[in-house]
Amino acid sequence: MSDAKQAQDQLSALFSQRFDERDATPTEEPPRATKRRKRGRPPKSVKRKTASFFIVPELLARLDDAYYQFNAGLSKETRMSRAEFREMVLEKSLEQL
């Protein structure tokens, strides 16, 4: 029984090493962020709050038409998501107020 206890103690010591204080020195240089951001969720550094709003359906249809016209003029690599487009429209509208 002592072998099982000793093995359990070794295993628990091994797992507890993860929580010991160590130097936070990286083993290798992180890659440079030169690539474009992929579509999808924003990186953790971007702080966004999700909120729901009621928008009149006619206004939403106008926004969608403007979005499709805007994206039609862009190349495939530079196209913008609908959420980014709406965010941009809101920001520019607030600047004009």
C-alpha atoms as a PDB file:
ATOM      1  CA  MET A   1       0.000   0.000   0.000  1.00  0.00           C
ATOM      2  CA  SER A   2       2.913   2.360   0.594  1.00  0.00           C
ATOM      3  CA  ASP A   3       3.920   2.115  -3.100  1.00  0.00           C
ATOM      4  CA  ALA A   4       0.477   3.313  -4.140  1.00  0.00           C
ATOM      5  CA  LYS A   5       0.657   6.159  -1.606  1.00  0.00           C
ATOM      6  CA  GLN A   6       4.138   7.103  -2.792  1.00  0.00           C
ATOM      7  CA  ALA A   7       3.023   7.054  -6.450  1.00  0.00           C
ATOM      8  CA  GLN A   8       0.026   9.225  -5.555  1.00  0.00           C
ATOM      9  CA  ASP A   9       2.286  11.718  -3.750  1.00  0.00           C
ATOM     10  CA  GLN A  10       4.645  11.876  -6.750  1.00  0.00           C
ATOM     11  CA  LEU A  11       1.757  12.436  -9.109  1.00  0.00           C
ATOM     12  CA  SER A  12       0.298  15.160  -6.942  1.00  0.00           C
ATOM     13  CA  ALA A  13       3.699  16.870  -6.646  1.00  0.00           C
ATOM     14  CA  LEU A  14       4.043  16.722 -10.421  1.00  0.00           C
ATOM     15  CA  PHE A  15       0.643  18.349 -10.958  1.00  0.00           C
ATOM     16  CA  SER A  16       1.258  21.026  -8.328  1.00  0.00           C
ATOM     17  CA  GLN A  17       4.394  22.165 -10.187  1.00  0.00           C
ATOM     18  CA  ARG A  18       2.108  23.900 -12.687  1.00  0.00           C
ATOM     19  CA  PHE A  19       1.144  26.370  -9.969  1.00  0.00           C
ATOM     20  CA  ASP A  20       4.621  27.078  -8.630  1.00  0.00           C
ATOM     21  CA  GLU A  21       5.983  30.534  -9.315  1.00  0.00           C
ATOM     22  CA  ARG A  22       8.313  30.514 -12.280  1.00  0.00           C
ATOM     23  CA  ASP A  23      10.036  33.091 -14.399  1.00  0.00           C
ATOM     24  CA  ALA A  24       7.781  34.273 -17.185  1.00  0.00           C
ATOM     25  CA  THR A  25      10.527  34.168 -19.797  1.00  0.00           C
ATOM     26  CA  PRO A  26       9.339  32.907 -23.164  1.00  0.00           C
ATOM     27  CA  THR A  27      11.345  30.109 -24.700  1.00  0.00           C
ATOM     28  CA  GLU A  28      11.229  31.672 -28.168  1.00  0.00           C
ATOM     29  CA  GLU A  29      10.208  34.935 -29.799  1.00  0.00           C
ATOM     30  CA  PRO A  30       6.505  35.228 -30.574  1.00  0.00           C
ATOM     31  CA  PRO A  31       5.700  35.660 -34.261  1.00  0.00           C
ATOM     32  CA  ARG A  32       5.052  39.184 -35.484  1.00  0.00           C
ATOM     33  CA  ALA A  33       1.446  40.089 -36.179  1.00  0.00           C
ATOM     34  CA  THR A  34       1.823  41.114 -39.803  1.00  0.00           C
ATOM     35  CA  LYS A  35      -1.103  39.161 -41.199  1.00  0.00           C
ATOM     36  CA  ARG A  36      -4.591  40.563 -41.572  1.00  0.00           C
ATOM     37  CA  ARG A  37      -7.023  39.651 -38.836  1.00  0.00           C
ATOM     38  CA  LYS A  38      -9.192  36.683 -39.716  1.00  0.00           C
ATOM     39  CA  ARG A  39     -12.916  37.080 -39.911  1.00  0.00           C
ATOM     40  CA  GLY A  40     -14.912  36.000 -36.910  1.00  0.00           C
ATOM     41  CA  ARG A  41     -14.536  36.915 -33.296  1.00  0.00           C
ATOM     42  CA  PRO A  42     -12.454  39.978 -32.497  1.00  0.00           C
ATOM     43  CA  PRO A  43      -9.199  39.471 -30.623  1.00  0.00           C
ATOM     44  CA  LYS A  44      -9.325  39.574 -26.835  1.00  0.00           C
ATOM     45  CA  SER A  45      -7.739  43.045 -26.854  1.00  0.00           C
ATOM     46  CA  VAL A  46     -10.850  44.506 -28.505  1.00  0.00           C
ATOM     47  CA  LYS A  47     -13.422  45.229 -25.835  1.00  0.00           C
ATOM     48  CA  ARG A  48     -16.959  45.042 -27.179  1.00  0.00           C
ATOM     49  CA  LYS A  49     -20.290  44.872 -25.443  1.00  0.00           C
ATOM     50  CA  THR A  50     -23.144  43.046 -27.085  1.00  0.00           C
ATOM     51  CA  ALA A  51     -26.431  44.916 -26.967  1.00  0.00           C
ATOM     52  CA  SER A  52     -29.746  44.469 -28.737  1.00  0.00           C
ATOM     53  CA  PHE A  53     -31.668  47.352 -30.280  1.00  0.00           C
ATOM     54  CA  PHE A  54     -34.929  47.619 -32.121  1.00  0.00           C
ATOM     55  CA  ILE A  55     -34.507  49.147 -35.568  1.00  0.00           C
ATOM     56  CA  VAL A  56     -37.404  49.975 -37.839  1.00  0.00           C
ATOM     57  CA  PRO A  57     -37.493  47.327 -40.619  1.00  0.00           C
ATOM     58  CA  GLU A  58     -37.441  49.985 -43.384  1.00  0.00           C
ATOM     59  CA  LEU A  59     -34.254  51.480 -41.947  1.00  0.00           C
ATOM     60  CA  LEU A  60     -32.733  48.026 -41.630  1.00  0.00           C
ATOM     61  CA  ALA A  61     -33.556  47.331 -45.290  1.00  0.00           C
ATOM     62  CA  ARG A  62     -31.833  50.610 -46.276  1.00  0.00           C
ATOM     63  CA  LEU A  63     -28.791  49.651 -44.207  1.00  0.00           C
ATOM     64  CA  ASP A  64     -28.638  46.236 -45.875  1.00  0.00           C
ATOM     65  CA  ASP A  65     -28.909  47.794 -49.352  1.00  0.00           C
ATOM     66  CA  ALA A  66     -26.113  50.232 -48.515  1.00  0.00           C
ATOM     67  CA  TYR A  67     -24.020  47.348 -47.157  1.00  0.00           C
ATOM     68  CA  TYR A  68     -24.418  45.291 -50.338  1.00  0.00           C
ATOM     69  CA  GLN A  69     -23.607  48.296 -52.548  1.00  0.00           C
ATOM     70  CA  PHE A  70     -20.562  49.127 -50.425  1.00  0.00           C
ATOM     71  CA  ASN A  71     -19.236  45.547 -50.486  1.00  0.00           C
ATOM     72  CA  ALA A  72     -19.876  45.170 -54.217  1.00  0.00           C
ATOM     73  CA  GLY A  73     -17.283  47.856 -54.893  1.00  0.00           C
ATOM     74  CA  LEU A  74     -14.610  46.147 -52.797  1.00  0.00           C
ATOM     75  CA  SER A  75     -12.292  43.324 -53.737  1.00  0.00           C
ATOM     76  CA  LYS A  76     -12.861  39.928 -52.149  1.00  0.00           C
ATOM     77  CA  GLU A  77      -9.922  40.347 -49.744  1.00  0.00           C
ATOM     78  CA  THR A  78     -11.088  43.703 -48.384  1.00  0.00           C
ATOM     79  CA  ARG A  79     -14.784  42.954 -47.940  1.00  0.00           C
ATOM     80  CA  MET A  80     -16.309  43.942 -44.644  1.00  0.00           C
ATOM     81  CA  SER A  81     -18.708  41.986 -42.461  1.00  0.00           C
ATOM     82  CA  ARG A  82     -22.205  43.322 -41.918  1.00  0.00           C
ATOM     83  CA  ALA A  83     -21.524  43.946 -38.204  1.00  0.00           C
ATOM     84  CA  GLU A  84     -18.371  45.928 -38.997  1.00  0.00           C
ATOM     85  CA  PHE A  85     -20.288  47.942 -41.597  1.00  0.00           C
ATOM     86  CA  ARG A  86     -23.066  48.802 -39.140  1.00  0.00           C
ATOM     87  CA  GLU A  87     -20.478  49.729 -36.523  1.00  0.00           C
ATOM     88  CA  MET A  88     -18.736  52.022 -39.021  1.00  0.00           C
ATOM     89  CA  VAL A  89     -22.029  53.682 -40.021  1.00  0.00           C
ATOM     90  CA  LEU A  90     -22.895  54.318 -36.379  1.00  0.00           C
ATOM     91  CA  GLU A  91     -19.454  55.779 -35.641  1.00  0.00           C
ATOM     92  CA  LYS A  92     -19.563  58.125 -38.648  1.00  0.00           C
ATOM     93  CA  SER A  93     -23.138  59.180 -37.818  1.00  0.00           C
ATOM     94  CA  LEU A  94     -22.161  59.995 -34.248  1.00  0.00           C
ATOM     95  CA  GLU A  95     -19.211  62.059 -35.480  1.00  0.00           C
ATOM     96  CA  GLN A  96     -21.565  64.156 -37.626  1.00  0.00           C
ATOM     97  CA  LEU A  97     -23.965  64.897 -34.758  1.00  0.00           C
END
